[in-house]
Amino acid sequence: RLSGDLRGQPDKPDDWSGDLYLDWHAGDVPSFLRRRLPEDLQLRSSSMRLQNWNRIAGSRIQDALLLVDLGKLEARTGKRQEEGLRLRADRLGA
């Protein structure tokens, strides 16, 4: 969901100001992150939610807050279960 309250002339986006909010949910987190992470990192998660609030002035972001919430995260390195490092969390947020 993307919503906003922008002010300014429609034909002059360089002068827009206001607020934007994004609320995004993803179920298949590993597929979304596949090419953005190191190849040897195995990742599993049941869900991901991003919430982003932005204050805009002169078409530039002045203030921003981003919250990330991952459900049932499991990450490990190495090809086999007994190799590498392992992280498990029922819920991880930042």
C-alpha atoms as a PDB file:
ATOM      1  CA  ARG A   1       0.000   0.000   0.000  1.00  0.00           C
ATOM      2  CA  LEU A   2       1.321   3.394  -0.970  1.00  0.00           C
ATOM      3  CA  SER A   3      -0.427   6.523   0.216  1.00  0.00           C
ATOM      4  CA  GLY A   4       0.504  10.143   0.354  1.00  0.00           C
ATOM      5  CA  ASP A   5      -0.518  13.714   0.863  1.00  0.00           C
ATOM      6  CA  LEU A   6       1.428  15.788  -1.639  1.00  0.00           C
ATOM      7  CA  ARG A   7       0.967  19.488  -2.292  1.00  0.00           C
ATOM      8  CA  GLY A   8       2.100  21.502  -5.285  1.00  0.00           C
ATOM      9  CA  GLN A   9       1.273  22.115  -8.899  1.00  0.00           C
ATOM     10  CA  PRO A  10       0.712  18.854 -10.818  1.00  0.00           C
ATOM     11  CA  ASP A  11       2.906  20.059 -13.686  1.00  0.00           C
ATOM     12  CA  LYS A  12       5.777  21.167 -11.362  1.00  0.00           C
ATOM     13  CA  PRO A  13       6.978  18.084  -9.442  1.00  0.00           C
ATOM     14  CA  ASP A  14      10.166  19.922  -8.393  1.00  0.00           C
ATOM     15  CA  ASP A  15       8.022  21.961  -5.988  1.00  0.00           C
ATOM     16  CA  TRP A  16       6.029  19.117  -4.408  1.00  0.00           C
ATOM     17  CA  SER A  17       5.959  18.736  -0.639  1.00  0.00           C
ATOM     18  CA  GLY A  18       4.061  16.563   1.823  1.00  0.00           C
ATOM     19  CA  ASP A  19       4.111  13.047   3.239  1.00  0.00           C
ATOM     20  CA  LEU A  20       4.420   9.569   1.699  1.00  0.00           C
ATOM     21  CA  TYR A  21       3.793   6.227   3.417  1.00  0.00           C
ATOM     22  CA  LEU A  22       4.581   2.724   2.151  1.00  0.00           C
ATOM     23  CA  ASP A  23       3.393  -0.509   3.799  1.00  0.00           C
ATOM     24  CA  TRP A  24       4.679  -3.576   1.924  1.00  0.00           C
ATOM     25  CA  HIS A  25       4.352  -7.277   2.787  1.00  0.00           C
ATOM     26  CA  ALA A  26       6.280 -10.141   1.179  1.00  0.00           C
ATOM     27  CA  GLY A  27       5.854 -13.848   1.768  1.00  0.00           C
ATOM     28  CA  ASP A  28       8.771 -15.300  -0.203  1.00  0.00           C
ATOM     29  CA  VAL A  29      11.671 -13.329   1.266  1.00  0.00           C
ATOM     30  CA  PRO A  30      14.498 -15.579  -0.052  1.00  0.00           C
ATOM     31  CA  SER A  31      13.338 -15.121  -3.657  1.00  0.00           C
ATOM     32  CA  PHE A  32      13.119 -11.357  -3.185  1.00  0.00           C
ATOM     33  CA  LEU A  33      16.665 -11.188  -1.764  1.00  0.00           C
ATOM     34  CA  ARG A  34      18.294 -13.960  -3.833  1.00  0.00           C
ATOM     35  CA  ARG A  35      20.640 -11.825  -5.953  1.00  0.00           C
ATOM     36  CA  ARG A  36      21.194  -9.208  -3.258  1.00  0.00           C
ATOM     37  CA  LEU A  37      22.958 -11.493  -0.755  1.00  0.00           C
ATOM     38  CA  PRO A  38      26.195 -13.530  -0.859  1.00  0.00           C
ATOM     39  CA  GLU A  39      25.844 -16.804  -2.774  1.00  0.00           C
ATOM     40  CA  ASP A  40      26.759 -19.038   0.171  1.00  0.00           C
ATOM     41  CA  LEU A  41      24.101 -17.527   2.461  1.00  0.00           C
ATOM     42  CA  GLN A  42      21.021 -19.745   2.865  1.00  0.00           C
ATOM     43  CA  LEU A  43      17.995 -17.726   3.986  1.00  0.00           C
ATOM     44  CA  ARG A  44      14.488 -18.721   5.076  1.00  0.00           C
ATOM     45  CA  SER A  45      11.741 -16.482   6.436  1.00  0.00           C
ATOM     46  CA  SER A  46       7.976 -16.798   6.698  1.00  0.00           C
ATOM     47  CA  SER A  47       7.273 -13.127   6.041  1.00  0.00           C
ATOM     48  CA  MET A  48       8.668  -9.636   5.682  1.00  0.00           C
ATOM     49  CA  ARG A  49       7.019  -6.270   6.264  1.00  0.00           C
ATOM     50  CA  LEU A  50       8.458  -2.890   5.344  1.00  0.00           C
ATOM     51  CA  GLN A  51       6.950   0.343   6.582  1.00  0.00           C
ATOM     52  CA  ASN A  52       8.371   3.621   5.343  1.00  0.00           C
ATOM     53  CA  TRP A  53       7.347   7.168   6.286  1.00  0.00           C
ATOM     54  CA  ASN A  54       8.783  10.116   4.326  1.00  0.00           C
ATOM     55  CA  ARG A  55       8.489  13.890   4.684  1.00  0.00           C
ATOM     56  CA  ILE A  56       9.100  15.653   1.371  1.00  0.00           C
ATOM     57  CA  ALA A  57       9.943  19.307   0.648  1.00  0.00           C
ATOM     58  CA  GLY A  58      10.978  20.646  -2.740  1.00  0.00           C
ATOM     59  CA  SER A  59      10.606  17.113  -4.123  1.00  0.00           C
ATOM     60  CA  ARG A  60      13.397  15.879  -1.830  1.00  0.00           C
ATOM     61  CA  ILE A  61      13.117  13.573   1.158  1.00  0.00           C
ATOM     62  CA  GLN A  62      13.742  15.628   4.286  1.00  0.00           C
ATOM     63  CA  ASP A  63      12.980  12.997   6.932  1.00  0.00           C
ATOM     64  CA  ALA A  64      12.480   9.249   6.628  1.00  0.00           C
ATOM     65  CA  LEU A  65      11.770   6.329   8.925  1.00  0.00           C
ATOM     66  CA  LEU A  66      11.999   2.704   7.787  1.00  0.00           C
ATOM     67  CA  LEU A  67      10.849  -0.262   9.856  1.00  0.00           C
ATOM     68  CA  VAL A  68      11.686  -3.829   8.782  1.00  0.00           C
ATOM     69  CA  ASP A  69      10.043  -6.857  10.390  1.00  0.00           C
ATOM     70  CA  LEU A  70      11.076 -10.419   9.469  1.00  0.00           C
ATOM     71  CA  GLY A  71       9.105 -13.412  10.719  1.00  0.00           C
ATOM     72  CA  LYS A  72      10.750 -16.750  11.588  1.00  0.00           C
ATOM     73  CA  LEU A  73      14.117 -15.887  10.101  1.00  0.00           C
ATOM     74  CA  GLU A  74      16.743 -18.573   9.591  1.00  0.00           C
ATOM     75  CA  ALA A  75      20.068 -17.793   7.950  1.00  0.00           C
ATOM     76  CA  ARG A  76      23.167 -19.938   7.586  1.00  0.00           C
ATOM     77  CA  THR A  77      26.340 -20.151   5.567  1.00  0.00           C
ATOM     78  CA  GLY A  78      27.844 -23.262   4.046  1.00  0.00           C
ATOM     79  CA  LYS A  79      26.445 -25.904   1.741  1.00  0.00           C
ATOM     80  CA  ARG A  80      25.671 -28.495   4.414  1.00  0.00           C
ATOM     81  CA  GLN A  81      23.693 -28.237   7.656  1.00  0.00           C
ATOM     82  CA  GLU A  82      26.738 -28.840   9.851  1.00  0.00           C
ATOM     83  CA  GLU A  83      28.959 -26.233   8.123  1.00  0.00           C
ATOM     84  CA  GLY A  84      29.214 -22.498   8.610  1.00  0.00           C
ATOM     85  CA  LEU A  85      27.344 -20.071  10.842  1.00  0.00           C
ATOM     86  CA  ARG A  86      23.655 -20.279  11.765  1.00  0.00           C
ATOM     87  CA  LEU A  87      21.126 -17.695  12.993  1.00  0.00           C
ATOM     88  CA  ARG A  88      17.529 -18.405  14.032  1.00  0.00           C
ATOM     89  CA  ALA A  89      14.978 -15.863  15.234  1.00  0.00           C
ATOM     90  CA  ASP A  90      11.214 -16.125  15.623  1.00  0.00           C
ATOM     91  CA  ARG A  91      10.906 -12.419  14.926  1.00  0.00           C
ATOM     92  CA  LEU A  92      13.470  -9.812  13.939  1.00  0.00           C
ATOM     93  CA  GLY A  93      12.749  -6.139  13.532  1.00  0.00           C
ATOM     94  CA  ALA A  94      14.704  -2.943  13.079  1.00  0.00           C
END
